[in-house]
């Protein structure tokens, strides 16, 4: 879904995103429980892929918690951790130093400073929501993958934070939550750039909070605040915040907690082999990755 326009309301300001991550780095791990949980589930899916990668690129490595697990799983592989904010790369490097050195890189997912056909595995956990130009990012992934190399990623679908989005809609007309691509849009983007045999599935997780302020605090600690073009100018007033809280309060569950839905999309594809047909099927397959094995070439 390539769009060169600069003023679409859900386009994201990556400069502001980098600044937010820099500020969030000291407390990032305190709020990264969803990233850890989804990252661990993504790691389990690697067991379905019989890989012996020599070079692994972790796109969106955060503070390196899941990256360290990748390094432990593939002890002989060279692991490169890529992140938008230098402070997160520093923390990831320190975390890995007890085991072996991580090659940290500060860069955008849509402009990888990686040689073509150099990676056996590209792993990306909950980073794609910050890159609305999926075609550009997936084209870079394809460029960096070796023929037959694997791409494994997680991202968020459109029902993520739906309670927060609807509650903000009661307060004003501005964007307060990122837009997320659905499973079929992601699959179509994989096919458009020529990645082979894309397969995806989805699961729904629910975080719970005592108050909506706790959710907003965690988003801030993750550097995941609103950096969309359509965000409200200036600070949000007390009146709108109260309207948000009142609207969210209507969603309080029987157990007394407020829900925050997360629609987690898992995806998997391969770098095309040189002798593979360039004709792609008219759609993607959608079923659990746990049932998959790489077909023999």
C-alpha atoms as a PDB file:
ATOM      1  CA  UNK A   1       0.000   0.000   0.000  1.00  0.00           C
ATOM      2  CA  UNK A   2       2.612   2.493  -1.152  1.00  0.00           C
ATOM      3  CA  UNK A   3       1.648   6.125  -0.669  1.00  0.00           C
ATOM      4  CA  UNK A   4       4.063   8.968  -1.337  1.00  0.00           C
ATOM      5  CA  UNK A   5       1.796  11.672   0.064  1.00  0.00           C
ATOM      6  CA  UNK A   6       3.224  13.344   3.156  1.00  0.00           C
ATOM      7  CA  UNK A   7       0.091  14.649   4.842  1.00  0.00           C
ATOM      8  CA  UNK A   8      -2.141  11.623   5.262  1.00  0.00           C
ATOM      9  CA  UNK A   9      -3.590  11.684   8.803  1.00  0.00           C
ATOM     10  CA  UNK A  10      -2.132   8.296   9.795  1.00  0.00           C
ATOM     11  CA  UNK A  11       1.346   8.885   8.365  1.00  0.00           C
ATOM     12  CA  UNK A  12       3.929   8.726  11.145  1.00  0.00           C
ATOM     13  CA  UNK A  13       6.694  11.142  12.062  1.00  0.00           C
ATOM     14  CA  UNK A  14       9.717   8.881  12.570  1.00  0.00           C
ATOM     15  CA  UNK A  15      11.825  11.764  13.867  1.00  0.00           C
ATOM     16  CA  UNK A  16       9.343  12.228  16.700  1.00  0.00           C
ATOM     17  CA  UNK A  17       9.192   8.458  17.123  1.00  0.00           C
ATOM     18  CA  UNK A  18      12.999   8.301  17.509  1.00  0.00           C
ATOM     19  CA  UNK A  19      12.922  11.082  20.092  1.00  0.00           C
ATOM     20  CA  UNK A  20      10.174   9.322  22.013  1.00  0.00           C
ATOM     21  CA  UNK A  21      12.178   6.081  22.045  1.00  0.00           C
ATOM     22  CA  UNK A  22      15.279   7.919  23.215  1.00  0.00           C
ATOM     23  CA  UNK A  23      13.340   9.353  26.152  1.00  0.00           C
ATOM     24  CA  UNK A  24      11.673   6.007  26.861  1.00  0.00           C
ATOM     25  CA  UNK A  25      14.858   3.906  26.870  1.00  0.00           C
ATOM     26  CA  UNK A  26      15.522   4.047  30.666  1.00  0.00           C
ATOM     27  CA  UNK A  27      12.057   2.669  31.497  1.00  0.00           C
ATOM     28  CA  UNK A  28      11.305   0.731  28.303  1.00  0.00           C
ATOM     29  CA  UNK A  29      11.581  -2.740  29.845  1.00  0.00           C
ATOM     30  CA  UNK A  30       9.093  -1.860  32.604  1.00  0.00           C
ATOM     31  CA  UNK A  31       6.295  -1.643  30.037  1.00  0.00           C
ATOM     32  CA  UNK A  32       7.487  -4.112  27.381  1.00  0.00           C
ATOM     33  CA  UNK A  33       5.513  -7.106  28.649  1.00  0.00           C
ATOM     34  CA  UNK A  34       3.495  -7.420  25.421  1.00  0.00           C
ATOM     35  CA  UNK A  35       6.708  -7.269  23.362  1.00  0.00           C
ATOM     36  CA  UNK A  36       8.252  -9.995  25.526  1.00  0.00           C
ATOM     37  CA  UNK A  37       5.190 -12.246  25.372  1.00  0.00           C
ATOM     38  CA  UNK A  38       4.688 -11.903  21.617  1.00  0.00           C
ATOM     39  CA  UNK A  39       8.438 -12.156  20.997  1.00  0.00           C
ATOM     40  CA  UNK A  40       8.601 -15.435  22.912  1.00  0.00           C
ATOM     41  CA  UNK A  41       5.678 -16.801  20.920  1.00  0.00           C
ATOM     42  CA  UNK A  42       7.392 -15.724  17.708  1.00  0.00           C
ATOM     43  CA  UNK A  43      10.583 -17.478  18.803  1.00  0.00           C
ATOM     44  CA  UNK A  44       8.619 -20.706  19.335  1.00  0.00           C
ATOM     45  CA  UNK A  45       7.491 -20.546  15.721  1.00  0.00           C
ATOM     46  CA  UNK A  46      11.100 -20.767  14.601  1.00  0.00           C
ATOM     47  CA  UNK A  47      11.009 -24.389  15.729  1.00  0.00           C
ATOM     48  CA  UNK A  48       8.763 -25.058  12.726  1.00  0.00           C
ATOM     49  CA  UNK A  49      11.459 -23.774  10.358  1.00  0.00           C
ATOM     50  CA  UNK A  50      14.459 -26.048  10.077  1.00  0.00           C
ATOM     51  CA  UNK A  51      17.053 -23.296   9.803  1.00  0.00           C
ATOM     52  CA  UNK A  52      20.755 -23.063  10.510  1.00  0.00           C
ATOM     53  CA  UNK A  53      21.187 -19.347   9.872  1.00  0.00           C
ATOM     54  CA  UNK A  54      24.615 -17.767   9.625  1.00  0.00           C
ATOM     55  CA  UNK A  55      23.353 -14.179   9.610  1.00  0.00           C
ATOM     56  CA  UNK A  56      20.239 -12.986  11.462  1.00  0.00           C
ATOM     57  CA  UNK A  57      18.768  -9.483  11.305  1.00  0.00           C
ATOM     58  CA  UNK A  58      16.482  -8.515  14.183  1.00  0.00           C
ATOM     59  CA  UNK A  59      14.524  -5.500  12.931  1.00  0.00           C
ATOM     60  CA  UNK A  60      13.226  -3.546  15.916  1.00  0.00           C
ATOM     61  CA  UNK A  61      15.378  -5.192  18.563  1.00  0.00           C
ATOM     62  CA  UNK A  62      14.298  -2.854  21.381  1.00  0.00           C
ATOM     63  CA  UNK A  63      16.536  -3.369  24.415  1.00  0.00           C
ATOM     64  CA  UNK A  64      17.601  -6.784  23.137  1.00  0.00           C
ATOM     65  CA  UNK A  65      15.580  -9.129  25.339  1.00  0.00           C
ATOM     66  CA  UNK A  66      14.325 -11.254  22.447  1.00  0.00           C
ATOM     67  CA  UNK A  67      17.546 -10.660  20.507  1.00  0.00           C
ATOM     68  CA  UNK A  68      19.504 -12.320  23.310  1.00  0.00           C
ATOM     69  CA  UNK A  69      17.200 -15.341  23.044  1.00  0.00           C
ATOM     70  CA  UNK A  70      17.870 -15.467  19.284  1.00  0.00           C
ATOM     71  CA  UNK A  71      21.605 -15.447  19.989  1.00  0.00           C
ATOM     72  CA  UNK A  72      21.189 -18.290  22.456  1.00  0.00           C
ATOM     73  CA  UNK A  73      19.048 -20.300  20.031  1.00  0.00           C
ATOM     74  CA  UNK A  74      21.477 -19.857  17.128  1.00  0.00           C
ATOM     75  CA  UNK A  75      24.840 -19.837  18.894  1.00  0.00           C
ATOM     76  CA  UNK A  76      26.953 -19.786  15.741  1.00  0.00           C
ATOM     77  CA  UNK A  77      25.007 -17.076  13.925  1.00  0.00           C
ATOM     78  CA  UNK A  78      26.069 -13.462  13.508  1.00  0.00           C
ATOM     79  CA  UNK A  79      23.163 -11.449  14.911  1.00  0.00           C
ATOM     80  CA  UNK A  80      22.490  -7.844  13.896  1.00  0.00           C
ATOM     81  CA  UNK A  81      20.103  -5.815  16.024  1.00  0.00           C
ATOM     82  CA  UNK A  82      18.484  -2.860  14.254  1.00  0.00           C
ATOM     83  CA  UNK A  83      16.571  -0.140  16.051  1.00  0.00           C
ATOM     84  CA  UNK A  84      15.497   3.436  15.373  1.00  0.00           C
ATOM     85  CA  UNK A  85      16.875   4.943  18.606  1.00  0.00           C
ATOM     86  CA  UNK A  86      20.585   4.862  19.565  1.00  0.00           C
ATOM     87  CA  UNK A  87      19.794   4.507  23.288  1.00  0.00           C
ATOM     88  CA  UNK A  88      17.889   1.276  22.679  1.00  0.00           C
ATOM     89  CA  UNK A  89      20.748  -0.107  20.579  1.00  0.00           C
ATOM     90  CA  UNK A  90      23.157   0.681  23.439  1.00  0.00           C
ATOM     91  CA  UNK A  91      20.960  -1.178  25.915  1.00  0.00           C
ATOM     92  CA  UNK A  92      20.649  -4.158  23.551  1.00  0.00           C
ATOM     93  CA  UNK A  93      24.432  -4.252  23.129  1.00  0.00           C
ATOM     94  CA  UNK A  94      24.984  -4.225  26.907  1.00  0.00           C
ATOM     95  CA  UNK A  95      22.429  -6.998  27.398  1.00  0.00           C
ATOM     96  CA  UNK A  96      24.174  -9.244  24.867  1.00  0.00           C
ATOM     97  CA  UNK A  97      27.726  -8.631  26.069  1.00  0.00           C
ATOM     98  CA  UNK A  98      27.583 -11.418  28.679  1.00  0.00           C
ATOM     99  CA  UNK A  99      26.936 -13.936  25.912  1.00  0.00           C
ATOM    100  CA  UNK A 100      28.605 -12.605  22.792  1.00  0.00           C
ATOM    101  CA  UNK A 101      28.728  -9.301  21.004  1.00  0.00           C
ATOM    102  CA  UNK A 102      25.638  -8.040  19.205  1.00  0.00           C
ATOM    103  CA  UNK A 103      26.159  -6.034  16.027  1.00  0.00           C
ATOM    104  CA  UNK A 104      23.936  -3.025  16.723  1.00  0.00           C
ATOM    105  CA  UNK A 105      22.697  -0.739  13.946  1.00  0.00           C
ATOM    106  CA  UNK A 106      20.674   2.489  14.166  1.00  0.00           C
ATOM    107  CA  UNK A 107      18.445   2.698  11.088  1.00  0.00           C
ATOM    108  CA  UNK A 108      14.898   2.617   9.707  1.00  0.00           C
ATOM    109  CA  UNK A 109      13.278  -0.644   8.649  1.00  0.00           C
ATOM    110  CA  UNK A 110      12.546   0.875   5.244  1.00  0.00           C
ATOM    111  CA  UNK A 111      16.198   1.706   4.534  1.00  0.00           C
ATOM    112  CA  UNK A 112      18.312  -1.177   5.791  1.00  0.00           C
ATOM    113  CA  UNK A 113      22.088  -0.569   5.819  1.00  0.00           C
ATOM    114  CA  UNK A 114      22.491  -4.239   4.940  1.00  0.00           C
ATOM    115  CA  UNK A 115      24.029  -5.782   1.816  1.00  0.00           C
ATOM    116  CA  UNK A 116      21.715  -7.473  -0.655  1.00  0.00           C
ATOM    117  CA  UNK A 117      21.179 -11.218  -0.210  1.00  0.00           C
ATOM    118  CA  UNK A 118      23.118 -11.240   3.072  1.00  0.00           C
ATOM    119  CA  UNK A 119      20.615 -12.511   5.671  1.00  0.00           C
ATOM    120  CA  UNK A 120      19.466 -16.064   6.300  1.00  0.00           C
ATOM    121  CA  UNK A 121      16.752 -14.923   8.720  1.00  0.00           C
ATOM    122  CA  UNK A 122      14.983 -11.603   9.223  1.00  0.00           C
ATOM    123  CA  UNK A 123      13.114 -11.496  12.515  1.00  0.00           C
ATOM    124  CA  UNK A 124      10.874  -8.563  13.437  1.00  0.00           C
ATOM    125  CA  UNK A 125       8.737  -8.341  16.562  1.00  0.00           C
ATOM    126  CA  UNK A 126       6.017  -5.638  16.743  1.00  0.00           C
ATOM    127  CA  UNK A 127       7.942  -3.107  14.658  1.00  0.00           C
ATOM    128  CA  UNK A 128       5.824  -2.941  11.498  1.00  0.00           C
ATOM    129  CA  UNK A 129       3.061  -0.807  13.094  1.00  0.00           C
ATOM    130  CA  UNK A 130       5.506   2.102  12.894  1.00  0.00           C
ATOM    131  CA  UNK A 131       5.991   1.712   9.133  1.00  0.00           C
ATOM    132  CA  UNK A 132       2.772   2.331   7.182  1.00  0.00           C
ATOM    133  CA  UNK A 133       4.555   1.889   3.826  1.00  0.00           C
ATOM    134  CA  UNK A 134       4.585  -1.903   3.971  1.00  0.00           C
ATOM    135  CA  UNK A 135       5.695  -2.268   0.352  1.00  0.00           C
ATOM    136  CA  UNK A 136       8.877  -0.327   1.013  1.00  0.00           C
ATOM    137  CA  UNK A 137       9.728  -2.278   4.147  1.00  0.00           C
ATOM    138  CA  UNK A 138       8.957  -5.686   2.656  1.00  0.00           C
ATOM    139  CA  UNK A 139      10.917  -4.805  -0.500  1.00  0.00           C
ATOM    140  CA  UNK A 140      13.906  -4.050   1.740  1.00  0.00           C
ATOM    141  CA  UNK A 141      13.417  -7.347   3.552  1.00  0.00           C
ATOM    142  CA  UNK A 142      13.356  -9.195   0.241  1.00  0.00           C
ATOM    143  CA  UNK A 143      16.496  -7.379  -0.918  1.00  0.00           C
ATOM    144  CA  UNK A 144      18.381  -8.291   2.250  1.00  0.00           C
ATOM    145  CA  UNK A 145      17.251 -11.941   2.346  1.00  0.00           C
ATOM    146  CA  UNK A 146      19.317 -14.651   0.753  1.00  0.00           C
ATOM    147  CA  UNK A 147      17.390 -16.830  -1.731  1.00  0.00           C
ATOM    148  CA  UNK A 148      15.491 -19.276   0.433  1.00  0.00           C
ATOM    149  CA  UNK A 149      16.060 -17.159   3.544  1.00  0.00           C
ATOM    150  CA  UNK A 150      13.214 -16.786   6.017  1.00  0.00           C
ATOM    151  CA  UNK A 151      11.221 -13.766   7.184  1.00  0.00           C
ATOM    152  CA  UNK A 152       9.311 -14.112  10.437  1.00  0.00           C
ATOM    153  CA  UNK A 153       7.452 -11.189  11.969  1.00  0.00           C
ATOM    154  CA  UNK A 154       4.682 -10.084  14.293  1.00  0.00           C
ATOM    155  CA  UNK A 155       2.616  -6.935  14.050  1.00  0.00           C
ATOM    156  CA  UNK A 156      -0.701  -5.518  15.258  1.00  0.00           C
ATOM    157  CA  UNK A 157      -4.046  -5.731  13.488  1.00  0.00           C
ATOM    158  CA  UNK A 158      -6.839  -3.110  13.345  1.00  0.00           C
ATOM    159  CA  UNK A 159      -8.637  -4.269  16.502  1.00  0.00           C
ATOM    160  CA  UNK A 160      -5.598  -3.395  18.612  1.00  0.00           C
ATOM    161  CA  UNK A 161      -6.301  -0.697  21.220  1.00  0.00           C
ATOM    162  CA  UNK A 162      -9.823  -0.441  19.824  1.00  0.00           C
ATOM    163  CA  UNK A 163     -11.150   0.586  23.252  1.00  0.00           C
ATOM    164  CA  UNK A 164      -8.704   3.471  23.469  1.00  0.00           C
ATOM    165  CA  UNK A 165      -9.454   4.564  19.905  1.00  0.00           C
ATOM    166  CA  UNK A 166     -13.221   4.620  20.478  1.00  0.00           C
ATOM    167  CA  UNK A 167     -12.912   6.389  23.806  1.00  0.00           C
ATOM    168  CA  UNK A 168     -10.748   9.117  22.269  1.00  0.00           C
ATOM    169  CA  UNK A 169     -13.326   9.476  19.485  1.00  0.00           C
ATOM    170  CA  UNK A 170     -15.788  10.568  22.145  1.00  0.00           C
ATOM    171  CA  UNK A 171     -13.384  13.335  23.186  1.00  0.00           C
ATOM    172  CA  UNK A 172     -12.293  14.917  19.887  1.00  0.00           C
ATOM    173  CA  UNK A 173     -11.819  14.367  16.152  1.00  0.00           C
ATOM    174  CA  UNK A 174      -8.022  13.931  16.147  1.00  0.00           C
ATOM    175  CA  UNK A 175      -5.973  10.746  15.802  1.00  0.00           C
ATOM    176  CA  UNK A 176      -4.690   9.369  19.088  1.00  0.00           C
ATOM    177  CA  UNK A 177      -3.960   5.763  18.092  1.00  0.00           C
ATOM    178  CA  UNK A 178      -2.025   4.431  15.108  1.00  0.00           C
ATOM    179  CA  UNK A 179      -3.844   2.825  12.208  1.00  0.00           C
ATOM    180  CA  UNK A 180      -3.013  -0.878  11.833  1.00  0.00           C
ATOM    181  CA  UNK A 181      -3.136  -3.041   8.699  1.00  0.00           C
ATOM    182  CA  UNK A 182      -5.302  -6.118   8.628  1.00  0.00           C
ATOM    183  CA  UNK A 183      -4.073  -9.605   7.828  1.00  0.00           C
ATOM    184  CA  UNK A 184      -5.104  -9.523   4.175  1.00  0.00           C
ATOM    185  CA  UNK A 185      -3.449  -6.167   3.459  1.00  0.00           C
ATOM    186  CA  UNK A 186      -0.202  -7.468   4.929  1.00  0.00           C
ATOM    187  CA  UNK A 187      -0.406 -10.647   2.865  1.00  0.00           C
ATOM    188  CA  UNK A 188      -1.049  -8.661  -0.309  1.00  0.00           C
ATOM    189  CA  UNK A 189       1.977  -6.469   0.386  1.00  0.00           C
ATOM    190  CA  UNK A 190       4.192  -9.543   0.817  1.00  0.00           C
ATOM    191  CA  UNK A 191       3.019 -10.860  -2.536  1.00  0.00           C
ATOM    192  CA  UNK A 192       3.486  -7.532  -4.321  1.00  0.00           C
ATOM    193  CA  UNK A 193       7.182  -7.381  -3.489  1.00  0.00           C
ATOM    194  CA  UNK A 194       7.727 -11.005  -4.508  1.00  0.00           C
ATOM    195  CA  UNK A 195       8.319 -12.699  -1.164  1.00  0.00           C
ATOM    196  CA  UNK A 196       7.479 -16.377  -1.510  1.00  0.00           C
ATOM    197  CA  UNK A 197       4.820 -18.513   0.166  1.00  0.00           C
ATOM    198  CA  UNK A 198       3.483 -15.943   2.649  1.00  0.00           C
ATOM    199  CA  UNK A 199       1.525 -17.434   5.503  1.00  0.00           C
ATOM    200  CA  UNK A 200      -0.127 -15.642   8.410  1.00  0.00           C
ATOM    201  CA  UNK A 201      -2.360 -16.181  11.364  1.00  0.00           C
ATOM    202  CA  UNK A 202      -3.784 -14.036  14.134  1.00  0.00           C
ATOM    203  CA  UNK A 203      -4.512 -14.270  17.835  1.00  0.00           C
ATOM    204  CA  UNK A 204      -6.124 -11.873  20.267  1.00  0.00           C
ATOM    205  CA  UNK A 205      -4.601 -10.953  23.602  1.00  0.00           C
ATOM    206  CA  UNK A 206      -6.092  -8.650  26.213  1.00  0.00           C
ATOM    207  CA  UNK A 207      -4.133  -6.476  28.611  1.00  0.00           C
ATOM    208  CA  UNK A 208      -5.951  -5.200  31.692  1.00  0.00           C
ATOM    209  CA  UNK A 209      -5.590  -2.037  33.754  1.00  0.00           C
ATOM    210  CA  UNK A 210      -7.089  -0.542  36.876  1.00  0.00           C
ATOM    211  CA  UNK A 211      -7.342   2.849  35.176  1.00  0.00           C
ATOM    212  CA  UNK A 212      -6.873   4.150  31.634  1.00  0.00           C
ATOM    213  CA  UNK A 213      -4.002   6.271  32.959  1.00  0.00           C
ATOM    214  CA  UNK A 214      -2.005   3.059  33.447  1.00  0.00           C
ATOM    215  CA  UNK A 215      -2.371   2.145  29.769  1.00  0.00           C
ATOM    216  CA  UNK A 216      -1.337   5.611  28.655  1.00  0.00           C
ATOM    217  CA  UNK A 217       1.654   5.526  31.017  1.00  0.00           C
ATOM    218  CA  UNK A 218       2.819   2.209  29.550  1.00  0.00           C
ATOM    219  CA  UNK A 219       2.492   3.541  26.001  1.00  0.00           C
ATOM    220  CA  UNK A 220       4.654   6.506  26.986  1.00  0.00           C
ATOM    221  CA  UNK A 221       7.255   4.235  28.589  1.00  0.00           C
ATOM    222  CA  UNK A 222       7.453   2.314  25.309  1.00  0.00           C
ATOM    223  CA  UNK A 223       7.895   5.490  23.281  1.00  0.00           C
ATOM    224  CA  UNK A 224       4.606   4.490  21.671  1.00  0.00           C
ATOM    225  CA  UNK A 225       2.785   7.768  21.964  1.00  0.00           C
ATOM    226  CA  UNK A 226       0.885   9.323  19.101  1.00  0.00           C
ATOM    227  CA  UNK A 227       3.214  10.603  16.360  1.00  0.00           C
ATOM    228  CA  UNK A 228       0.711  10.546  13.490  1.00  0.00           C
ATOM    229  CA  UNK A 229       0.252  13.511  11.168  1.00  0.00           C
ATOM    230  CA  UNK A 230      -3.365  13.794  12.303  1.00  0.00           C
ATOM    231  CA  UNK A 231      -2.588  14.155  16.012  1.00  0.00           C
ATOM    232  CA  UNK A 232      -3.965  17.074  17.971  1.00  0.00           C
ATOM    233  CA  UNK A 233      -1.800  20.210  17.981  1.00  0.00           C
ATOM    234  CA  UNK A 234      -0.548  21.193  21.414  1.00  0.00           C
ATOM    235  CA  UNK A 235      -1.396  19.581  24.732  1.00  0.00           C
ATOM    236  CA  UNK A 236      -4.626  17.728  25.402  1.00  0.00           C
ATOM    237  CA  UNK A 237      -6.829  19.676  27.815  1.00  0.00           C
ATOM    238  CA  UNK A 238      -8.256  18.371  31.072  1.00  0.00           C
ATOM    239  CA  UNK A 239     -11.786  18.378  29.657  1.00  0.00           C
ATOM    240  CA  UNK A 240     -10.929  16.023  26.806  1.00  0.00           C
ATOM    241  CA  UNK A 241      -8.961  13.752  29.137  1.00  0.00           C
ATOM    242  CA  UNK A 242     -11.980  13.520  31.415  1.00  0.00           C
ATOM    243  CA  UNK A 243     -14.204  12.687  28.448  1.00  0.00           C
ATOM    244  CA  UNK A 244     -11.748   9.946  27.482  1.00  0.00           C
ATOM    245  CA  UNK A 245     -11.792   8.510  31.001  1.00  0.00           C
ATOM    246  CA  UNK A 246     -15.576   8.621  31.171  1.00  0.00           C
ATOM    247  CA  UNK A 247     -15.954   6.853  27.828  1.00  0.00           C
ATOM    248  CA  UNK A 248     -13.389   4.163  28.713  1.00  0.00           C
ATOM    249  CA  UNK A 249     -15.054   3.620  32.085  1.00  0.00           C
ATOM    250  CA  UNK A 250     -18.111   2.262  30.246  1.00  0.00           C
ATOM    251  CA  UNK A 251     -15.940  -0.702  29.184  1.00  0.00           C
ATOM    252  CA  UNK A 252     -14.989  -1.807  32.697  1.00  0.00           C
ATOM    253  CA  UNK A 253     -15.366  -5.587  32.978  1.00  0.00           C
ATOM    254  CA  UNK A 254     -17.129  -7.658  35.615  1.00  0.00           C
ATOM    255  CA  UNK A 255     -13.782  -8.288  37.296  1.00  0.00           C
ATOM    256  CA  UNK A 256     -13.339  -4.546  37.767  1.00  0.00           C
ATOM    257  CA  UNK A 257     -10.571  -4.122  35.179  1.00  0.00           C
ATOM    258  CA  UNK A 258     -10.382  -2.114  31.959  1.00  0.00           C
ATOM    259  CA  UNK A 259      -9.464  -4.096  28.808  1.00  0.00           C
ATOM    260  CA  UNK A 260      -6.912  -3.126  26.156  1.00  0.00           C
ATOM    261  CA  UNK A 261      -7.266  -5.439  23.157  1.00  0.00           C
ATOM    262  CA  UNK A 262      -4.276  -6.505  21.073  1.00  0.00           C
ATOM    263  CA  UNK A 263      -4.871  -8.231  17.745  1.00  0.00           C
ATOM    264  CA  UNK A 264      -1.507  -9.878  17.070  1.00  0.00           C
ATOM    265  CA  UNK A 265      -0.724 -10.892  13.491  1.00  0.00           C
ATOM    266  CA  UNK A 266       2.096 -13.355  12.829  1.00  0.00           C
ATOM    267  CA  UNK A 267       3.612 -13.618   9.368  1.00  0.00           C
ATOM    268  CA  UNK A 268       6.128 -15.770   7.595  1.00  0.00           C
ATOM    269  CA  UNK A 269       7.546 -15.777   4.061  1.00  0.00           C
ATOM    270  CA  UNK A 270      10.674 -16.800   2.144  1.00  0.00           C
ATOM    271  CA  UNK A 271      13.207 -15.109  -0.069  1.00  0.00           C
ATOM    272  CA  UNK A 272      12.425 -16.466  -3.558  1.00  0.00           C
ATOM    273  CA  UNK A 273      14.783 -19.054  -4.976  1.00  0.00           C
ATOM    274  CA  UNK A 274      16.511 -18.170  -8.274  1.00  0.00           C
ATOM    275  CA  UNK A 275      14.732 -20.936 -10.196  1.00  0.00           C
ATOM    276  CA  UNK A 276      11.315 -20.213  -8.683  1.00  0.00           C
ATOM    277  CA  UNK A 277       8.494 -19.037 -10.910  1.00  0.00           C
ATOM    278  CA  UNK A 278       7.865 -15.287 -10.757  1.00  0.00           C
ATOM    279  CA  UNK A 279       4.126 -15.932 -11.008  1.00  0.00           C
ATOM    280  CA  UNK A 280       2.550 -15.428  -7.599  1.00  0.00           C
ATOM    281  CA  UNK A 281      -0.765 -16.909  -6.431  1.00  0.00           C
ATOM    282  CA  UNK A 282      -3.752 -14.579  -6.160  1.00  0.00           C
ATOM    283  CA  UNK A 283      -3.723 -14.354  -2.423  1.00  0.00           C
ATOM    284  CA  UNK A 284      -2.072 -15.485   0.765  1.00  0.00           C
ATOM    285  CA  UNK A 285      -2.577 -18.499   2.976  1.00  0.00           C
ATOM    286  CA  UNK A 286      -3.950 -17.935   6.448  1.00  0.00           C
ATOM    287  CA  UNK A 287      -3.548 -20.722   8.997  1.00  0.00           C
ATOM    288  CA  UNK A 288      -1.420 -21.416  12.081  1.00  0.00           C
ATOM    289  CA  UNK A 289       2.330 -21.225  11.518  1.00  0.00           C
ATOM    290  CA  UNK A 290       2.729 -24.024  14.039  1.00  0.00           C
ATOM    291  CA  UNK A 291       1.456 -26.398  11.353  1.00  0.00           C
ATOM    292  CA  UNK A 292       4.022 -25.375   8.751  1.00  0.00           C
ATOM    293  CA  UNK A 293       7.230 -26.857   7.439  1.00  0.00           C
ATOM    294  CA  UNK A 294       9.325 -25.438   4.604  1.00  0.00           C
ATOM    295  CA  UNK A 295       8.594 -27.320   1.415  1.00  0.00           C
ATOM    296  CA  UNK A 296      11.595 -28.961  -0.183  1.00  0.00           C
ATOM    297  CA  UNK A 297      12.880 -27.021  -3.220  1.00  0.00           C
END
